[in-house]
Amino acid sequence: MPLGLRGKKKGKSKESAKLVGSEEVGRRAGAPGTSASKQVTNGAAGLPPPPANLRPKLVFHAQLAHGSPTGRIEGITSVKELYFKISEAFQISPAEILFCTLNTHKIDMDKLLGGQIGLEDFIFAHVKGIKKEVDVLKSEDALGLTITDNGMGYSFIKRIKDESIIAKVNMINVGDHIESINGVSVVGSRHYEVAKNLKELEKGRTFTLKLIEPMKAFEMIEPRSKGGKLTEGKISTGRETLRLRSKGPATVEEMPSEFEEKAIKKVDDLLETYMGIRDIDLAATMVEAGRDKKNPDEFAVALDEALGDFAFPDEFVFDVWGAIGDAKKGR
C-alpha cells in the first residue's frame, strides 16, 4: 500500500472519594511487587465501566491546585474517569477541571498529566478561574502558540513563543483554555483542530479569543511564564506508570526505555513544527505504532489504523519514520 493517509476514519461512580485533611503520601497500593502491578482491565468504548473487582487497585492522592484538602482517587481506568473521580472528591463539576499537573500545583506544562500517571505521582487539578475576551491582530502568519488538550474537550495554551504576536498580548497566558474563536465555540474540539482554525485565520485582520484562565491561589499570582519548553527528563516520575488509553485496557507498565524517551521527544517536536501542538501521549502512540515496522509504507498503514482522524500529510509521516529510526540508532 502506498505511503499516505488518504482520509479520515468515521467512525460516576456513586460513592464520593473521601477527603482527608492531612495524609502522608507513602507507598501506593499497586507499587512494584504487589498484585496490582499486573495488567488491569478497562471496558471497551460504549460499554459500562468494568466491575469494581476488575478495576485497578491503585490509590492516588489529589488536591485542587489553588488549595484544598487531600483527596483519595482510586479505581480509575481512563482519563475521563479520573476527571469524574476528582470532581466527586471535591464536589465540583467535571466541566470545571481544565487540566491536571503531577507533583506541582504550579501551571507547569512539563508536569502536565496526559495518559500516564507514575505510581508515586501526586495529582493537582487546575479548575476554571477568570473569563476574559481578547482581540488580537494577526500581523504575521504564525501566532506563536502551541496548543494541547485535556482529553475531555478543552484545548489550552501549552507554549507561547518569545517575541511572537501572542507574547505581546499581556492578557494571554500559558494554561489559558481557548473557549471560542471569533464567537465560534471550540469546546469539544481536539487540539489539532483548534490549532488549524488559528492557522487559517486571515493575516492582517483582528480576531477575538474567549479564554478561561486556571484559578490561582494568591501566592501563585506572578508574572506569566512562557512555559511549555520540554526538558530531557523522564516522561514520568514513578518506577512504573498507569497507562490510560482511549481505546483498550488500562495497563500498569514499566517506564519508557531510553529509546522510547528519545523517540517520543523527537516526534513531539515534529508535532509542534507541523501542527502547532504538543502531545506526549500522541507522540508515544506514534512511536509504538512504528516500533516494529520494516518500512515507511507499513508505518503509514499502522498510523492510519491507529490515528486516521488526524489525516497526517505524507511529508510528516516520512519525518516521523525517520525520527523513530534515528532514535533506534541512538542519534
Protein backbone atom coordinates (compact mmCIF):
# COMPACT_ATOMS: atom_id res chain seq x y z
CA MET A 1 0.00 0.00 0.00
CA PRO A 2 1.47 3.39 -0.99
CA LEU A 3 2.51 5.81 1.72
CA GLY A 4 -0.15 8.30 2.73
CA LEU A 5 -3.16 8.58 4.97
CA ARG A 6 -5.92 9.16 2.48
CA GLY A 7 -8.94 10.02 4.55
CA LYS A 8 -10.35 10.37 7.99
CA LYS A 9 -11.95 7.41 9.68
CA LYS A 10 -15.65 7.76 10.60
CA GLY A 11 -16.38 6.32 12.94
CA LYS A 12 -19.87 8.33 38.04
CA SER A 13 -19.24 6.41 40.38
CA LYS A 14 -21.94 6.74 43.14
CA GLU A 15 -19.63 6.96 46.12
CA SER A 16 -17.52 10.05 46.59
CA ALA A 17 -13.81 9.66 47.27
CA LYS A 18 -13.07 10.55 50.89
CA LEU A 19 -11.24 13.80 51.61
CA VAL A 20 -8.52 13.71 54.20
CA GLY A 21 -7.14 16.84 55.83
CA SER A 22 -3.57 15.63 56.11
CA GLU A 23 -2.32 12.32 54.83
CA GLU A 24 1.18 11.09 54.16
CA VAL A 25 1.72 10.11 50.56
CA GLY A 26 3.55 6.85 51.04
CA ARG A 27 3.80 3.65 49.09
CA ARG A 28 0.68 3.33 46.95
CA ALA A 29 -1.29 0.14 46.58
CA GLY A 30 -0.14 -1.34 43.30
CA ALA A 31 3.51 -0.40 43.61
CA PRO A 32 6.07 -2.81 42.15
CA GLY A 33 5.91 -6.17 43.82
CA THR A 34 2.19 -6.07 44.61
CA SER A 35 -0.62 -7.85 42.85
CA ALA A 36 -1.91 -4.58 41.40
CA SER A 37 1.20 -4.16 39.25
CA LYS A 38 -0.31 -6.61 36.78
CA GLN A 39 -2.34 -5.60 33.74
CA VAL A 40 -5.75 -4.15 34.57
CA THR A 41 -8.95 -4.30 32.58
CA ASN A 42 -10.98 -1.47 31.13
CA GLY A 43 -14.38 -1.52 29.46
CA ALA A 44 -14.48 -1.01 25.70
CA ALA A 45 -15.82 2.23 24.26
CA GLY A 46 -19.59 2.47 24.64
CA LEU A 47 -19.80 -0.26 27.28
CA PRO A 48 -20.46 0.17 31.02
CA PRO A 49 -17.41 0.52 33.31
CA PRO A 50 -15.91 -2.80 34.45
CA PRO A 51 -16.97 -4.21 37.85
CA ALA A 52 -15.20 -2.79 40.88
CA ASN A 53 -13.23 -6.02 41.41
CA LEU A 54 -11.69 -5.68 37.93
CA ARG A 55 -10.64 -2.04 38.29
CA PRO A 56 -7.05 -1.06 39.08
CA LYS A 57 -6.36 -1.37 42.81
CA LEU A 58 -4.25 1.78 42.74
CA VAL A 59 -4.65 4.76 45.04
CA PHE A 60 -3.56 8.25 44.01
CA HIS A 61 -3.75 11.44 46.04
CA ALA A 62 -5.00 14.74 44.68
CA GLN A 63 -5.60 18.38 45.58
CA LEU A 64 -7.09 21.37 43.81
CA ALA A 65 -4.13 23.41 42.57
CA HIS A 66 -5.34 26.65 44.16
CA GLY A 67 -5.66 24.93 47.55
CA SER A 68 -7.80 22.20 49.15
CA PRO A 69 -7.68 19.19 51.48
CA THR A 70 -6.19 15.98 50.04
CA GLY A 71 -8.48 13.56 48.22
CA ARG A 72 -8.06 9.85 47.55
CA ILE A 73 -8.57 8.81 43.92
CA GLU A 74 -8.78 5.10 43.10
CA GLY A 75 -10.25 2.60 40.64
CA ILE A 76 -9.58 4.71 37.53
CA THR A 77 -9.31 3.17 34.08
CA SER A 78 -9.36 6.24 31.80
CA VAL A 79 -8.66 9.97 31.79
CA LYS A 80 -12.40 10.63 31.67
CA GLU A 81 -12.96 8.51 34.76
CA LEU A 82 -10.07 10.27 36.52
CA TYR A 83 -11.76 13.64 36.00
CA PHE A 84 -15.06 12.30 37.33
CA LYS A 85 -13.34 10.86 40.39
CA ILE A 86 -11.63 14.18 41.09
CA SER A 87 -14.92 16.04 40.67
CA GLU A 88 -16.61 13.69 43.14
CA ALA A 89 -13.80 14.02 45.67
CA PHE A 90 -14.01 17.82 45.68
CA GLN A 91 -17.75 18.14 44.93
CA ILE A 92 -17.32 20.12 41.73
CA SER A 93 -18.49 19.52 38.17
CA PRO A 94 -16.08 17.63 35.86
CA ALA A 95 -16.58 20.53 33.43
CA GLU A 96 -14.80 22.83 35.90
CA ILE A 97 -11.48 20.96 35.54
CA LEU A 98 -9.21 22.41 32.85
CA PHE A 99 -6.20 20.12 33.27
CA CYS A 100 -4.05 18.36 35.86
CA THR A 101 -0.37 18.56 36.72
CA LEU A 102 1.73 15.98 38.52
CA ASN A 103 3.69 16.75 41.69
CA THR A 104 3.31 20.52 41.45
CA HIS A 105 0.42 22.96 41.97
CA LYS A 106 2.02 25.39 39.50
CA ILE A 107 0.96 25.78 35.87
CA ASP A 108 3.98 23.83 34.66
CA MET A 109 3.48 22.34 31.22
CA ASP A 110 6.43 19.99 31.72
CA LYS A 111 4.41 18.35 34.52
CA LEU A 112 1.14 18.07 32.61
CA LEU A 113 -0.87 14.89 33.18
CA GLY A 114 -1.54 13.04 29.95
CA GLY A 115 -2.25 9.35 29.50
CA GLN A 116 0.30 8.14 32.04
CA ILE A 117 0.49 8.55 35.82
CA GLY A 118 3.51 7.38 37.80
CA LEU A 119 2.51 5.19 40.73
CA GLU A 120 4.10 7.68 43.12
CA ASP A 121 2.64 10.81 41.48
CA PHE A 122 0.51 13.37 43.35
CA ILE A 123 -2.23 14.94 41.19
CA PHE A 124 -3.12 18.64 41.21
CA ALA A 125 -6.33 19.66 39.41
CA HIS A 126 -6.50 23.15 37.88
CA VAL A 127 -10.06 24.46 37.68
CA LYS A 128 -11.72 27.32 35.81
CA GLY A 129 -10.95 30.82 37.00
CA ILE A 130 -11.37 34.22 35.35
CA LYS A 131 -13.04 34.52 31.93
CA LYS A 132 -11.61 37.05 29.50
CA GLU A 133 -12.07 38.24 25.92
CA VAL A 134 -9.08 39.40 23.88
CA ASP A 135 -8.79 40.98 20.43
CA VAL A 136 -5.62 40.06 18.53
CA LEU A 137 -4.31 41.49 15.25
CA LYS A 138 -2.84 38.70 13.14
CA SER A 139 0.03 40.73 11.71
CA GLU A 140 2.11 37.65 10.83
CA ASP A 141 1.35 34.12 9.59
CA ALA A 142 2.48 32.50 12.83
CA LEU A 143 0.85 33.45 16.12
CA GLY A 144 3.50 31.80 18.31
CA LEU A 145 1.09 29.45 20.11
CA THR A 146 1.35 25.76 20.86
CA ILE A 147 -1.95 24.07 21.73
CA THR A 148 -2.73 20.90 23.67
CA ASP A 149 -5.91 19.48 25.22
CA ASN A 150 -7.03 17.66 28.34
CA GLY A 151 -8.69 14.69 26.62
CA MET A 152 -12.09 15.99 27.77
CA GLY A 153 -12.80 18.57 25.07
CA TYR A 154 -10.83 21.53 26.45
CA SER A 155 -7.92 22.89 24.44
CA PHE A 156 -5.49 25.22 26.14
CA ILE A 157 -2.24 27.07 25.55
CA LYS A 158 0.84 24.99 26.27
CA ARG A 159 3.52 27.32 24.98
CA ILE A 160 3.97 30.94 23.91
CA LYS A 161 6.97 31.70 21.71
CA ASP A 162 9.11 34.66 22.76
CA GLU A 163 8.64 37.83 20.68
CA SER A 164 5.61 36.34 18.91
CA ILE A 165 2.25 38.03 18.32
CA ILE A 166 0.70 36.31 21.33
CA ALA A 167 3.71 37.05 23.56
CA LYS A 168 2.97 40.77 23.08
CA VAL A 169 -0.62 40.37 24.35
CA ASN A 170 -0.25 40.51 28.13
CA MET A 171 -3.73 39.12 28.84
CA ILE A 172 -2.95 35.75 27.21
CA ASN A 173 -1.06 33.19 29.30
CA VAL A 174 0.15 29.61 29.25
CA GLY A 175 -2.62 27.42 30.69
CA ASP A 176 -5.48 29.54 29.32
CA HIS A 177 -8.35 27.46 27.93
CA ILE A 178 -9.48 28.60 24.46
CA GLU A 179 -13.28 28.67 24.65
CA SER A 180 -14.10 30.31 21.31
CA ILE A 181 -12.53 31.91 18.24
CA ASN A 182 -14.44 34.83 16.68
CA GLY A 183 -17.55 33.80 18.60
CA VAL A 184 -17.45 30.17 17.44
CA SER A 185 -17.10 27.70 20.30
CA VAL A 186 -14.22 25.24 20.08
CA VAL A 187 -15.21 23.35 23.25
CA GLY A 188 -15.24 19.66 22.34
CA SER A 189 -12.72 20.12 19.51
CA ARG A 190 -9.36 18.38 19.59
CA HIS A 191 -6.22 20.49 19.98
CA TYR A 192 -5.12 19.94 16.37
CA GLU A 193 -8.48 21.25 15.14
CA VAL A 194 -8.12 24.40 17.26
CA ALA A 195 -4.54 24.90 16.01
CA LYS A 196 -5.78 24.50 12.42
CA ASN A 197 -8.53 27.09 12.95
CA LEU A 198 -5.99 29.59 14.28
CA LYS A 199 -3.59 28.96 11.39
CA GLU A 200 -6.37 29.54 8.86
CA LEU A 201 -7.31 32.99 10.22
CA GLU A 202 -6.71 35.72 7.66
CA LYS A 203 -3.47 37.63 8.02
CA GLY A 204 -3.86 41.37 8.59
CA ARG A 205 -7.21 41.05 10.35
CA THR A 206 -8.21 41.18 14.01
CA PHE A 207 -9.77 38.13 15.64
CA THR A 208 -11.34 37.59 19.06
CA LEU A 209 -10.46 34.90 21.57
CA LYS A 210 -12.60 34.00 24.56
CA LEU A 211 -10.34 32.45 27.19
CA ILE A 212 -10.65 30.99 30.69
CA GLU A 213 -7.57 31.04 32.87
CA PRO A 214 -6.93 28.47 35.63
CA MET A 215 -7.86 29.56 39.15
CA LYS A 216 -4.81 30.61 41.14
CA ALA A 217 -4.06 30.84 44.82
CA PHE A 218 -2.75 34.22 45.93
CA GLU A 219 0.85 33.02 46.16
CA MET A 220 0.65 31.64 42.61
CA ILE A 221 -0.09 35.04 41.05
CA GLU A 222 3.14 36.14 39.39
CA PRO A 223 4.43 37.43 36.03
CA ARG A 224 3.46 34.99 33.34
CA SER A 225 5.75 32.22 32.21
CA LYS A 226 6.27 31.41 28.57
CA GLY A 227 6.04 27.78 29.69
CA GLY A 228 5.93 24.75 27.52
CA LYS A 229 9.66 24.23 26.99
CA LEU A 230 10.18 20.49 27.14
CA THR A 231 13.03 19.05 29.16
CA GLU A 232 15.16 16.00 28.55
CA GLY A 233 13.90 14.48 31.84
CA LYS A 234 11.85 11.37 32.30
CA ILE A 235 8.35 11.15 30.87
CA SER A 236 7.01 10.20 34.31
CA THR A 237 8.34 10.06 37.83
CA GLY A 238 7.27 6.67 39.14
CA ARG A 239 9.20 3.44 38.55
CA GLU A 240 6.03 2.19 36.90
CA THR A 241 3.14 4.10 35.34
CA LEU A 242 -0.58 3.59 34.90
CA ARG A 243 -1.18 3.99 31.15
CA LEU A 244 -4.69 5.31 30.45
CA ARG A 245 -5.67 4.52 26.87
CA SER A 246 -8.52 5.98 24.83
CA LYS A 247 -9.13 2.51 23.39
CA GLY A 248 -8.42 -0.83 25.02
CA PRO A 249 -7.42 -1.70 28.58
CA ALA A 250 -5.54 0.48 31.01
CA THR A 251 -2.25 -1.16 31.93
CA VAL A 252 0.48 -0.77 34.51
CA GLU A 253 3.73 -0.53 32.57
CA GLU A 254 7.43 -0.03 33.12
CA MET A 255 8.81 3.45 32.50
CA PRO A 256 9.71 4.29 28.89
CA SER A 257 13.08 2.99 27.73
CA GLU A 258 15.87 5.34 26.66
CA PHE A 259 14.94 4.72 23.01
CA GLU A 260 11.26 5.46 23.69
CA GLU A 261 12.03 8.69 25.55
CA LYS A 262 14.31 9.92 22.78
CA ALA A 263 11.85 8.94 20.02
CA ILE A 264 8.87 10.50 21.83
CA LYS A 265 10.76 13.77 22.27
CA LYS A 266 11.68 13.86 18.55
CA VAL A 267 8.11 13.09 17.42
CA ASP A 268 6.66 15.67 19.83
CA ASP A 269 8.98 18.29 18.31
CA LEU A 270 7.70 17.34 14.85
CA LEU A 271 4.08 17.66 16.02
CA GLU A 272 4.77 21.23 17.08
CA THR A 273 6.58 22.06 13.82
CA TYR A 274 3.88 20.64 11.53
CA MET A 275 0.69 21.09 13.53
CA GLY A 276 1.31 23.64 16.27
CA ILE A 277 0.53 21.16 19.03
CA ARG A 278 2.43 19.38 21.79
CA ASP A 279 1.14 15.96 22.85
CA ILE A 280 3.44 13.49 24.62
CA ASP A 281 0.79 10.76 24.57
CA LEU A 282 0.07 11.16 20.86
CA ALA A 283 3.83 11.04 20.21
CA ALA A 284 4.11 7.89 22.35
CA THR A 285 1.29 6.24 20.35
CA MET A 286 3.08 7.04 17.10
CA VAL A 287 6.38 5.65 18.39
CA GLU A 288 4.59 2.48 19.50
CA ALA A 289 2.99 2.16 16.04
CA GLY A 290 6.42 2.44 14.35
CA ARG A 291 8.45 0.28 16.72
CA ASP A 292 8.37 -2.97 14.71
CA LYS A 293 7.55 -1.67 11.24
CA LYS A 294 10.05 -2.51 8.49
CA ASN A 295 9.43 0.41 6.12
CA PRO A 296 7.55 3.73 5.92
CA ASP A 297 4.64 2.20 4.00
CA GLU A 298 3.94 -0.26 6.82
CA PHE A 299 4.26 2.61 9.28
CA ALA A 300 1.77 4.74 7.30
CA VAL A 301 -0.77 1.91 7.37
CA ALA A 302 -0.29 1.47 11.13
CA LEU A 303 -0.78 5.21 11.69
CA ASP A 304 -3.92 5.19 9.57
CA GLU A 305 -5.35 2.36 11.65
CA ALA A 306 -4.46 3.96 14.98
CA LEU A 307 -4.80 7.69 14.22
CA GLY A 308 -6.71 8.03 10.96
CA ASP A 309 -8.70 11.00 12.23
CA PHE A 310 -5.58 13.16 12.05
CA ALA A 311 -5.03 12.58 8.29
CA PHE A 312 -1.32 13.30 8.62
CA PRO A 313 0.40 14.56 5.43
CA ASP A 314 2.93 12.26 3.72
CA GLU A 315 5.86 14.58 4.47
CA PHE A 316 5.10 14.44 8.19
CA VAL A 317 4.82 10.63 8.15
CA PHE A 318 8.23 10.37 6.44
CA ASP A 319 9.81 12.67 9.02
CA VAL A 320 8.30 10.76 11.93
CA TRP A 321 9.51 7.47 10.48
CA GLY A 322 12.99 8.99 10.16
CA ALA A 323 12.90 10.33 13.73
CA ILE A 324 11.98 6.89 15.11
CA GLY A 325 14.78 5.33 13.06
CA ASP A 326 17.28 7.88 14.36
CA ALA A 327 16.24 7.17 17.94
CA LYS A 328 16.70 3.42 17.38
CA LYS A 329 20.27 4.11 16.23
CA GLY A 330 20.92 6.32 19.27
CA ARG A 331 21.01 9.57 17.32
